[in-house]
Amino acid sequence: MTRDVAPKLNYLKPALIHSTFFPALQGAKTKMSASDKTSSIFLTDTQEEIKNKINKYAYSGGGSTEAEHRENGGYCDVDISNQYLTFLFEDDARLAQIKEEYSSGRMMTGELKRELVVVLQSLIGDIQEKRRVVTDDIRRHFMTLESLTTKLNDFHCSIN
């Protein structure tokens, strides 16, 4: 309604951006911090560091014991691996299947974390590979003030 009324009152239409942030690995009630290397996954983390961080620090919504987890299932709302997969997984059907299996107790926390490790290692590995090909010339080109359209066209031509 505000967007309809604002122009009539000679105001600009307001805009709203809804953002959701990744939680820290230790859970939604903690904060990510660059000074705490265990609170998040960094673009500079190695494949092994990603695996170790997820397995060791990602807060679990699973049961205290295997028997308890199999009986009661896991809590997807608090499980960090599940939350990260919700952000990163492209296959909605597979994500729904994972949530069903985990919340029913058929999938254990370790299996859920393995799913996340595979996704993160692939994503971070791709980003690291793309960063390796960026030269000082490319960086300088994009940092020089000129029209963005010109820069993008020039860059596209230089990589083809």
N, C-alpha and C. Protein backbone atom coordinates (compact mmCIF):
# COMPACT_ATOMS: atom_id res chain seq x y z
N MET A 1 0.82 -1.17 0.00
CA MET A 1 0.00 0.00 0.00
C MET A 1 0.88 1.26 0.00
N THR A 2 1.99 1.20 0.74
CA THR A 2 2.89 2.35 0.82
C THR A 2 3.41 2.72 -0.56
N ARG A 3 3.70 1.71 -1.38
CA ARG A 3 4.21 1.98 -2.72
C ARG A 3 3.15 2.68 -3.58
N ASP A 4 1.87 2.45 -3.31
CA ASP A 4 0.79 3.11 -4.05
C ASP A 4 0.59 4.55 -3.59
N VAL A 5 0.72 4.78 -2.30
CA VAL A 5 0.43 6.09 -1.72
C VAL A 5 1.61 7.06 -1.85
N ALA A 6 2.84 6.57 -1.74
CA ALA A 6 4.02 7.44 -1.73
C ALA A 6 4.07 8.42 -2.91
N PRO A 7 3.87 7.98 -4.16
CA PRO A 7 3.92 8.94 -5.27
C PRO A 7 2.84 10.04 -5.18
N LYS A 8 1.71 9.69 -4.63
CA LYS A 8 0.63 10.68 -4.47
C LYS A 8 0.99 11.76 -3.46
N LEU A 9 1.92 11.41 -2.54
CA LEU A 9 2.38 12.37 -1.54
C LEU A 9 3.72 13.00 -1.95
N ASN A 10 4.08 12.82 -3.21
CA ASN A 10 5.34 13.33 -3.76
C ASN A 10 6.58 12.74 -3.09
N TYR A 11 6.48 11.49 -2.69
CA TYR A 11 7.63 10.76 -2.18
C TYR A 11 8.02 9.67 -3.18
N LEU A 12 9.25 9.25 -3.11
CA LEU A 12 9.68 8.10 -3.92
C LEU A 12 9.07 6.83 -3.35
N LYS A 13 8.86 5.85 -4.21
CA LYS A 13 8.36 4.57 -3.72
C LYS A 13 9.45 3.89 -2.89
N PRO A 14 9.09 3.41 -1.70
CA PRO A 14 10.10 2.73 -0.89
C PRO A 14 10.41 1.34 -1.46
N ALA A 15 11.58 0.86 -1.15
CA ALA A 15 11.99 -0.48 -1.59
C ALA A 15 12.32 -1.30 -0.36
N LEU A 16 12.17 -2.58 -0.49
CA LEU A 16 12.48 -3.49 0.60
C LEU A 16 13.29 -4.64 0.05
N ILE A 17 14.37 -4.92 0.70
CA ILE A 17 15.18 -6.08 0.33
C ILE A 17 15.19 -7.02 1.52
N HIS A 18 14.73 -8.22 1.30
CA HIS A 18 14.73 -9.23 2.36
C HIS A 18 15.99 -10.06 2.22
N SER A 19 16.77 -10.11 3.28
CA SER A 19 18.03 -10.86 3.25
C SER A 19 18.03 -11.92 4.33
N THR A 20 18.59 -13.04 4.01
CA THR A 20 18.80 -14.10 4.98
C THR A 20 20.28 -14.41 4.97
N PHE A 21 20.88 -14.46 6.13
CA PHE A 21 22.31 -14.69 6.23
C PHE A 21 22.62 -16.13 6.61
N PHE A 22 23.78 -16.59 6.18
CA PHE A 22 24.26 -17.90 6.61
C PHE A 22 24.54 -17.82 8.11
N PRO A 23 24.13 -18.81 8.87
CA PRO A 23 24.49 -18.81 10.29
C PRO A 23 25.95 -19.27 10.47
N ALA A 24 26.51 -18.98 11.62
CA ALA A 24 27.85 -19.49 11.95
C ALA A 24 27.78 -21.00 12.06
N LEU A 25 28.90 -21.66 11.88
CA LEU A 25 28.92 -23.12 11.95
C LEU A 25 28.46 -23.64 13.32
N GLN A 26 28.72 -22.87 14.36
CA GLN A 26 28.36 -23.32 15.71
C GLN A 26 26.88 -23.14 16.03
N GLY A 27 26.12 -22.57 15.13
CA GLY A 27 24.69 -22.43 15.35
C GLY A 27 24.20 -21.01 15.14
N ALA A 28 22.91 -20.87 15.04
CA ALA A 28 22.29 -19.59 14.72
C ALA A 28 22.44 -18.57 15.83
N LYS A 29 22.73 -19.00 17.05
CA LYS A 29 22.85 -18.07 18.17
C LYS A 29 24.29 -17.57 18.34
N THR A 30 25.17 -17.95 17.45
CA THR A 30 26.54 -17.48 17.50
C THR A 30 26.80 -16.62 16.27
N LYS A 31 27.96 -15.94 16.25
CA LYS A 31 28.27 -15.06 15.12
C LYS A 31 29.47 -15.58 14.35
N MET A 32 29.46 -15.28 13.07
CA MET A 32 30.64 -15.53 12.26
C MET A 32 31.64 -14.43 12.56
N SER A 33 32.91 -14.80 12.51
CA SER A 33 33.94 -13.81 12.75
C SER A 33 35.20 -14.21 11.99
N ALA A 34 35.81 -13.24 11.32
CA ALA A 34 37.05 -13.52 10.59
C ALA A 34 38.16 -13.93 11.56
N SER A 35 38.07 -13.50 12.81
CA SER A 35 39.10 -13.85 13.78
C SER A 35 38.91 -15.27 14.32
N ASP A 36 37.74 -15.85 14.14
CA ASP A 36 37.50 -17.23 14.57
C ASP A 36 37.41 -18.10 13.32
N LYS A 37 38.48 -18.76 13.00
CA LYS A 37 38.57 -19.55 11.76
C LYS A 37 37.61 -20.73 11.73
N THR A 38 37.03 -21.09 12.90
CA THR A 38 36.12 -22.23 12.94
C THR A 38 34.66 -21.83 12.82
N SER A 39 34.38 -20.53 12.69
CA SER A 39 32.99 -20.08 12.69
C SER A 39 32.35 -20.10 11.30
N SER A 40 33.18 -20.25 10.25
CA SER A 40 32.62 -20.23 8.90
C SER A 40 33.57 -20.89 7.91
N ILE A 41 33.07 -21.06 6.70
CA ILE A 41 33.86 -21.59 5.60
C ILE A 41 34.34 -20.39 4.80
N PHE A 42 35.65 -20.33 4.54
CA PHE A 42 36.23 -19.22 3.79
C PHE A 42 36.57 -19.66 2.37
N LEU A 43 36.59 -18.71 1.46
CA LEU A 43 36.92 -19.01 0.07
C LEU A 43 38.36 -19.50 -0.08
N THR A 44 39.18 -19.29 0.93
CA THR A 44 40.57 -19.73 0.89
C THR A 44 40.80 -21.08 1.56
N ASP A 45 39.75 -21.66 2.12
CA ASP A 45 39.88 -22.96 2.79
C ASP A 45 40.19 -24.07 1.78
N THR A 46 41.06 -24.98 2.18
CA THR A 46 41.37 -26.14 1.34
C THR A 46 40.23 -27.14 1.41
N GLN A 47 40.25 -28.11 0.53
CA GLN A 47 39.21 -29.15 0.53
C GLN A 47 39.19 -29.88 1.88
N GLU A 48 40.37 -30.15 2.42
CA GLU A 48 40.47 -30.84 3.71
C GLU A 48 39.96 -29.97 4.85
N GLU A 49 40.27 -28.67 4.81
CA GLU A 49 39.78 -27.75 5.85
C GLU A 49 38.25 -27.67 5.83
N ILE A 50 37.67 -27.65 4.65
CA ILE A 50 36.20 -27.62 4.54
C ILE A 50 35.62 -28.86 5.20
N LYS A 51 36.15 -30.01 4.86
CA LYS A 51 35.65 -31.27 5.43
C LYS A 51 35.79 -31.27 6.95
N ASN A 52 36.97 -30.88 7.44
CA ASN A 52 37.20 -30.89 8.89
C ASN A 52 36.30 -29.90 9.62
N LYS A 53 36.12 -28.70 9.08
CA LYS A 53 35.27 -27.70 9.73
C LYS A 53 33.83 -28.18 9.82
N ILE A 54 33.32 -28.72 8.73
CA ILE A 54 31.93 -29.20 8.74
C ILE A 54 31.78 -30.35 9.74
N ASN A 55 32.67 -31.33 9.65
CA ASN A 55 32.55 -32.49 10.52
C ASN A 55 32.75 -32.15 12.00
N LYS A 56 33.62 -31.21 12.29
CA LYS A 56 33.95 -30.91 13.68
C LYS A 56 33.10 -29.79 14.29
N TYR A 57 32.78 -28.75 13.50
CA TYR A 57 32.18 -27.55 14.08
C TYR A 57 30.73 -27.28 13.69
N ALA A 58 30.22 -27.90 12.64
CA ALA A 58 28.84 -27.62 12.21
C ALA A 58 27.86 -28.19 13.23
N TYR A 59 27.08 -27.31 13.82
CA TYR A 59 26.12 -27.70 14.85
C TYR A 59 25.10 -28.68 14.26
N SER A 60 24.82 -29.71 15.03
CA SER A 60 23.94 -30.76 14.56
C SER A 60 22.57 -30.68 15.23
N GLY A 61 21.56 -31.00 14.47
CA GLY A 61 20.21 -31.10 15.02
C GLY A 61 19.83 -32.54 15.29
N GLY A 62 20.83 -33.42 15.26
CA GLY A 62 20.59 -34.84 15.47
C GLY A 62 20.52 -35.20 16.94
N GLY A 63 20.18 -36.45 17.20
CA GLY A 63 20.09 -36.93 18.57
C GLY A 63 21.45 -37.09 19.23
N SER A 64 21.45 -37.22 20.55
CA SER A 64 22.69 -37.37 21.31
C SER A 64 23.37 -38.70 21.03
N THR A 65 22.56 -39.71 20.77
CA THR A 65 23.10 -41.03 20.44
C THR A 65 22.46 -41.50 19.13
N GLU A 66 23.06 -42.52 18.53
CA GLU A 66 22.50 -43.04 17.29
C GLU A 66 21.09 -43.57 17.51
N ALA A 67 20.89 -44.28 18.62
CA ALA A 67 19.56 -44.83 18.91
C ALA A 67 18.52 -43.72 19.07
N GLU A 68 18.89 -42.67 19.80
CA GLU A 68 17.97 -41.54 20.00
C GLU A 68 17.66 -40.86 18.66
N HIS A 69 18.69 -40.71 17.82
CA HIS A 69 18.47 -40.06 16.52
C HIS A 69 17.56 -40.91 15.65
N ARG A 70 17.80 -42.21 15.62
CA ARG A 70 16.98 -43.09 14.78
C ARG A 70 15.53 -43.10 15.26
N GLU A 71 15.33 -42.97 16.58
CA GLU A 71 13.98 -42.99 17.13
C GLU A 71 13.25 -41.66 16.90
N ASN A 72 13.94 -40.54 17.18
CA ASN A 72 13.29 -39.22 17.13
C ASN A 72 13.56 -38.43 15.87
N GLY A 73 14.60 -38.80 15.15
CA GLY A 73 14.97 -38.04 13.95
C GLY A 73 15.74 -36.78 14.31
N GLY A 74 16.17 -36.06 13.27
CA GLY A 74 16.93 -34.84 13.47
C GLY A 74 16.04 -33.62 13.29
N TYR A 75 16.51 -32.51 13.83
CA TYR A 75 15.76 -31.24 13.74
C TYR A 75 16.42 -30.36 12.69
N CYS A 76 15.80 -30.31 11.53
CA CYS A 76 16.35 -29.57 10.39
C CYS A 76 16.44 -28.07 10.65
N ASP A 77 15.54 -27.55 11.47
CA ASP A 77 15.52 -26.10 11.72
C ASP A 77 16.77 -25.60 12.43
N VAL A 78 17.42 -26.44 13.22
CA VAL A 78 18.62 -26.01 13.95
C VAL A 78 19.90 -26.61 13.39
N ASP A 79 19.78 -27.59 12.53
CA ASP A 79 20.96 -28.26 11.99
C ASP A 79 21.63 -27.36 10.94
N ILE A 80 22.89 -27.00 11.19
CA ILE A 80 23.61 -26.08 10.32
C ILE A 80 23.85 -26.69 8.94
N SER A 81 24.18 -27.96 8.87
CA SER A 81 24.40 -28.60 7.57
C SER A 81 23.15 -28.51 6.71
N ASN A 82 22.01 -28.76 7.31
CA ASN A 82 20.74 -28.66 6.57
C ASN A 82 20.48 -27.22 6.13
N GLN A 83 20.75 -26.26 7.00
CA GLN A 83 20.52 -24.86 6.64
C GLN A 83 21.42 -24.43 5.50
N TYR A 84 22.69 -24.84 5.52
CA TYR A 84 23.60 -24.50 4.44
C TYR A 84 23.14 -25.16 3.13
N LEU A 85 22.71 -26.41 3.21
CA LEU A 85 22.22 -27.08 2.00
C LEU A 85 21.00 -26.36 1.43
N THR A 86 20.16 -25.82 2.30
CA THR A 86 18.99 -25.07 1.85
C THR A 86 19.41 -23.87 1.00
N PHE A 87 20.52 -23.23 1.38
CA PHE A 87 21.04 -22.10 0.60
C PHE A 87 21.70 -22.56 -0.69
N LEU A 88 22.42 -23.67 -0.64
CA LEU A 88 23.35 -24.02 -1.71
C LEU A 88 22.88 -25.11 -2.67
N PHE A 89 21.98 -25.98 -2.23
CA PHE A 89 21.59 -27.13 -3.05
C PHE A 89 20.68 -26.68 -4.18
N GLU A 90 20.96 -27.11 -5.37
CA GLU A 90 20.13 -26.71 -6.52
C GLU A 90 19.00 -27.68 -6.81
N ASP A 91 19.10 -28.89 -6.33
CA ASP A 91 18.10 -29.93 -6.60
C ASP A 91 17.08 -29.94 -5.45
N ASP A 92 15.94 -29.27 -5.67
CA ASP A 92 14.93 -29.16 -4.62
C ASP A 92 14.33 -30.51 -4.23
N ALA A 93 14.18 -31.40 -5.19
CA ALA A 93 13.63 -32.73 -4.89
C ALA A 93 14.58 -33.50 -3.98
N ARG A 94 15.87 -33.44 -4.28
CA ARG A 94 16.87 -34.14 -3.44
C ARG A 94 16.94 -33.49 -2.06
N LEU A 95 16.84 -32.17 -2.00
CA LEU A 95 16.86 -31.48 -0.72
C LEU A 95 15.66 -31.91 0.14
N ALA A 96 14.50 -32.01 -0.45
CA ALA A 96 13.31 -32.46 0.28
C ALA A 96 13.49 -33.90 0.76
N GLN A 97 14.10 -34.73 -0.06
CA GLN A 97 14.35 -36.12 0.32
C GLN A 97 15.33 -36.18 1.50
N ILE A 98 16.37 -35.37 1.45
CA ILE A 98 17.35 -35.33 2.55
C ILE A 98 16.67 -34.89 3.84
N LYS A 99 15.86 -33.85 3.77
CA LYS A 99 15.15 -33.36 4.96
C LYS A 99 14.23 -34.44 5.53
N GLU A 100 13.54 -35.13 4.66
CA GLU A 100 12.64 -36.20 5.11
C GLU A 100 13.42 -37.33 5.78
N GLU A 101 14.50 -37.75 5.15
CA GLU A 101 15.30 -38.85 5.71
C GLU A 101 15.95 -38.45 7.04
N TYR A 102 16.45 -37.22 7.11
CA TYR A 102 17.11 -36.77 8.34
C TYR A 102 16.11 -36.59 9.47
N SER A 103 14.99 -35.95 9.18
CA SER A 103 14.01 -35.70 10.24
C SER A 103 13.31 -36.99 10.69
N SER A 104 13.32 -38.01 9.85
CA SER A 104 12.72 -39.29 10.25
C SER A 104 13.70 -40.20 10.96
N GLY A 105 14.99 -39.87 10.92
CA GLY A 105 16.00 -40.69 11.58
C GLY A 105 16.64 -41.72 10.67
N ARG A 106 16.23 -41.77 9.42
CA ARG A 106 16.84 -42.72 8.47
C ARG A 106 18.22 -42.24 8.01
N MET A 107 18.47 -40.93 8.05
CA MET A 107 19.78 -40.38 7.69
C MET A 107 20.42 -39.84 8.96
N MET A 108 21.68 -40.21 9.16
CA MET A 108 22.41 -39.76 10.33
C MET A 108 23.09 -38.42 10.05
N THR A 109 23.52 -37.77 11.12
CA THR A 109 24.18 -36.47 11.01
C THR A 109 25.42 -36.53 10.13
N GLY A 110 26.21 -37.59 10.28
CA GLY A 110 27.43 -37.74 9.47
C GLY A 110 27.13 -37.80 7.98
N GLU A 111 26.03 -38.46 7.63
CA GLU A 111 25.64 -38.54 6.22
C GLU A 111 25.20 -37.17 5.70
N LEU A 112 24.48 -36.43 6.52
CA LEU A 112 24.03 -35.09 6.13
C LEU A 112 25.25 -34.17 5.94
N LYS A 113 26.20 -34.27 6.86
CA LYS A 113 27.41 -33.46 6.76
C LYS A 113 28.20 -33.83 5.51
N ARG A 114 28.24 -35.10 5.15
CA ARG A 114 28.94 -35.52 3.91
C ARG A 114 28.30 -34.89 2.69
N GLU A 115 26.97 -34.81 2.67
CA GLU A 115 26.27 -34.15 1.56
C GLU A 115 26.74 -32.70 1.43
N LEU A 116 26.81 -32.01 2.57
CA LEU A 116 27.23 -30.61 2.56
C LEU A 116 28.69 -30.47 2.15
N VAL A 117 29.54 -31.35 2.63
CA VAL A 117 30.97 -31.29 2.28
C VAL A 117 31.15 -31.38 0.78
N VAL A 118 30.45 -32.29 0.13
CA VAL A 118 30.56 -32.45 -1.32
C VAL A 118 30.15 -31.17 -2.04
N VAL A 119 29.03 -30.59 -1.62
CA VAL A 119 28.54 -29.35 -2.25
C VAL A 119 29.53 -28.21 -2.04
N LEU A 120 29.99 -28.03 -0.80
CA LEU A 120 30.92 -26.93 -0.50
C LEU A 120 32.27 -27.10 -1.19
N GLN A 121 32.80 -28.32 -1.19
CA GLN A 121 34.09 -28.54 -1.83
C GLN A 121 34.01 -28.23 -3.32
N SER A 122 32.94 -28.60 -3.96
CA SER A 122 32.76 -28.31 -5.38
C SER A 122 32.63 -26.81 -5.61
N LEU A 123 31.77 -26.15 -4.85
CA LEU A 123 31.54 -24.72 -5.00
C LEU A 123 32.80 -23.91 -4.72
N ILE A 124 33.43 -24.16 -3.60
CA ILE A 124 34.64 -23.41 -3.23
C ILE A 124 35.77 -23.73 -4.20
N GLY A 125 35.89 -24.99 -4.61
CA GLY A 125 36.92 -25.37 -5.58
C GLY A 125 36.76 -24.63 -6.90
N ASP A 126 35.52 -24.52 -7.37
CA ASP A 126 35.25 -23.77 -8.62
C ASP A 126 35.64 -22.30 -8.48
N ILE A 127 35.28 -21.70 -7.35
CA ILE A 127 35.61 -20.30 -7.12
C ILE A 127 37.12 -20.10 -7.06
N GLN A 128 37.81 -21.00 -6.36
CA GLN A 128 39.27 -20.89 -6.25
C GLN A 128 39.93 -21.03 -7.62
N GLU A 129 39.41 -21.91 -8.45
CA GLU A 129 39.96 -22.09 -9.80
C GLU A 129 39.77 -20.83 -10.64
N LYS A 130 38.61 -20.24 -10.54
CA LYS A 130 38.33 -19.00 -11.29
C LYS A 130 39.20 -17.85 -10.78
N ARG A 131 39.46 -17.81 -9.48
CA ARG A 131 40.31 -16.75 -8.92
C ARG A 131 41.75 -16.89 -9.40
N ARG A 132 42.19 -18.12 -9.63
CA ARG A 132 43.57 -18.35 -10.06
C ARG A 132 43.87 -17.73 -11.42
N VAL A 133 42.85 -17.64 -12.28
CA VAL A 133 43.09 -17.12 -13.63
C VAL A 133 43.01 -15.59 -13.71
N VAL A 134 42.63 -14.96 -12.61
CA VAL A 134 42.56 -13.50 -12.59
C VAL A 134 43.98 -12.95 -12.45
N THR A 135 44.40 -12.20 -13.46
CA THR A 135 45.74 -11.61 -13.45
C THR A 135 45.66 -10.17 -12.96
N ASP A 136 46.83 -9.59 -12.73
CA ASP A 136 46.87 -8.18 -12.34
C ASP A 136 46.28 -7.30 -13.44
N ASP A 137 46.49 -7.67 -14.70
CA ASP A 137 45.92 -6.90 -15.81
C ASP A 137 44.40 -6.92 -15.78
N ILE A 138 43.83 -8.07 -15.54
CA ILE A 138 42.36 -8.16 -15.46
C ILE A 138 41.86 -7.35 -14.27
N ARG A 139 42.51 -7.50 -13.13
CA ARG A 139 42.11 -6.76 -11.93
C ARG A 139 42.20 -5.24 -12.18
N ARG A 140 43.29 -4.80 -12.78
CA ARG A 140 43.48 -3.38 -13.07
C ARG A 140 42.40 -2.88 -14.04
N HIS A 141 42.09 -3.71 -15.05
CA HIS A 141 41.07 -3.35 -16.03
C HIS A 141 39.73 -3.08 -15.35
N PHE A 142 39.34 -3.93 -14.42
CA PHE A 142 38.05 -3.77 -13.76
C PHE A 142 38.06 -2.71 -12.68
N MET A 143 39.22 -2.31 -12.22
CA MET A 143 39.30 -1.27 -11.20
C MET A 143 39.42 0.13 -11.81
N THR A 144 39.64 0.21 -13.12
CA THR A 144 39.73 1.50 -13.80
C THR A 144 38.33 2.06 -14.00
N LEU A 145 38.15 3.34 -13.70
CA LEU A 145 36.84 3.96 -13.85
C LEU A 145 36.47 4.11 -15.32
N GLU A 146 35.39 3.51 -15.71
CA GLU A 146 34.76 3.67 -17.02
C GLU A 146 33.43 2.96 -16.96
N SER A 147 32.71 2.95 -18.03
CA SER A 147 31.37 2.36 -18.01
C SER A 147 31.45 0.85 -17.79
N LEU A 148 30.55 0.35 -16.97
CA LEU A 148 30.51 -1.08 -16.66
C LEU A 148 30.23 -1.91 -17.91
N THR A 149 29.37 -1.45 -18.78
CA THR A 149 29.05 -2.17 -20.01
C THR A 149 30.31 -2.36 -20.85
N THR A 150 31.11 -1.34 -20.97
CA THR A 150 32.36 -1.43 -21.73
C THR A 150 33.28 -2.46 -21.11
N LYS A 151 33.41 -2.43 -19.80
CA LYS A 151 34.29 -3.37 -19.09
C LYS A 151 33.84 -4.81 -19.32
N LEU A 152 32.55 -5.06 -19.18
CA LEU A 152 32.04 -6.42 -19.34
C LEU A 152 32.24 -6.91 -20.78
N ASN A 153 31.97 -6.06 -21.74
CA ASN A 153 32.18 -6.45 -23.14
C ASN A 153 33.64 -6.74 -23.42
N ASP A 154 34.55 -5.90 -22.92
CA ASP A 154 35.98 -6.11 -23.11
C ASP A 154 36.42 -7.41 -22.46
N PHE A 155 35.96 -7.66 -21.25
CA PHE A 155 36.36 -8.87 -20.52
C PHE A 155 35.85 -10.10 -21.24
N HIS A 156 34.60 -10.07 -21.68
CA HIS A 156 34.01 -11.21 -22.38
C HIS A 156 34.83 -11.52 -23.63
N CYS A 157 35.23 -10.50 -24.36
CA CYS A 157 36.03 -10.71 -25.59
C CYS A 157 37.40 -11.26 -25.27
N SER A 158 37.99 -10.85 -24.14
CA SER A 158 39.34 -11.29 -23.80
C SER A 158 39.41 -12.74 -23.35
N ILE A 159 38.29 -13.30 -22.83
CA ILE A 159 38.33 -14.69 -22.39
C ILE A 159 37.84 -15.66 -23.44
N ASN A 160 37.28 -15.17 -24.53
CA ASN A 160 36.80 -16.07 -25.60
C ASN A 160 37.86 -16.42 -26.58
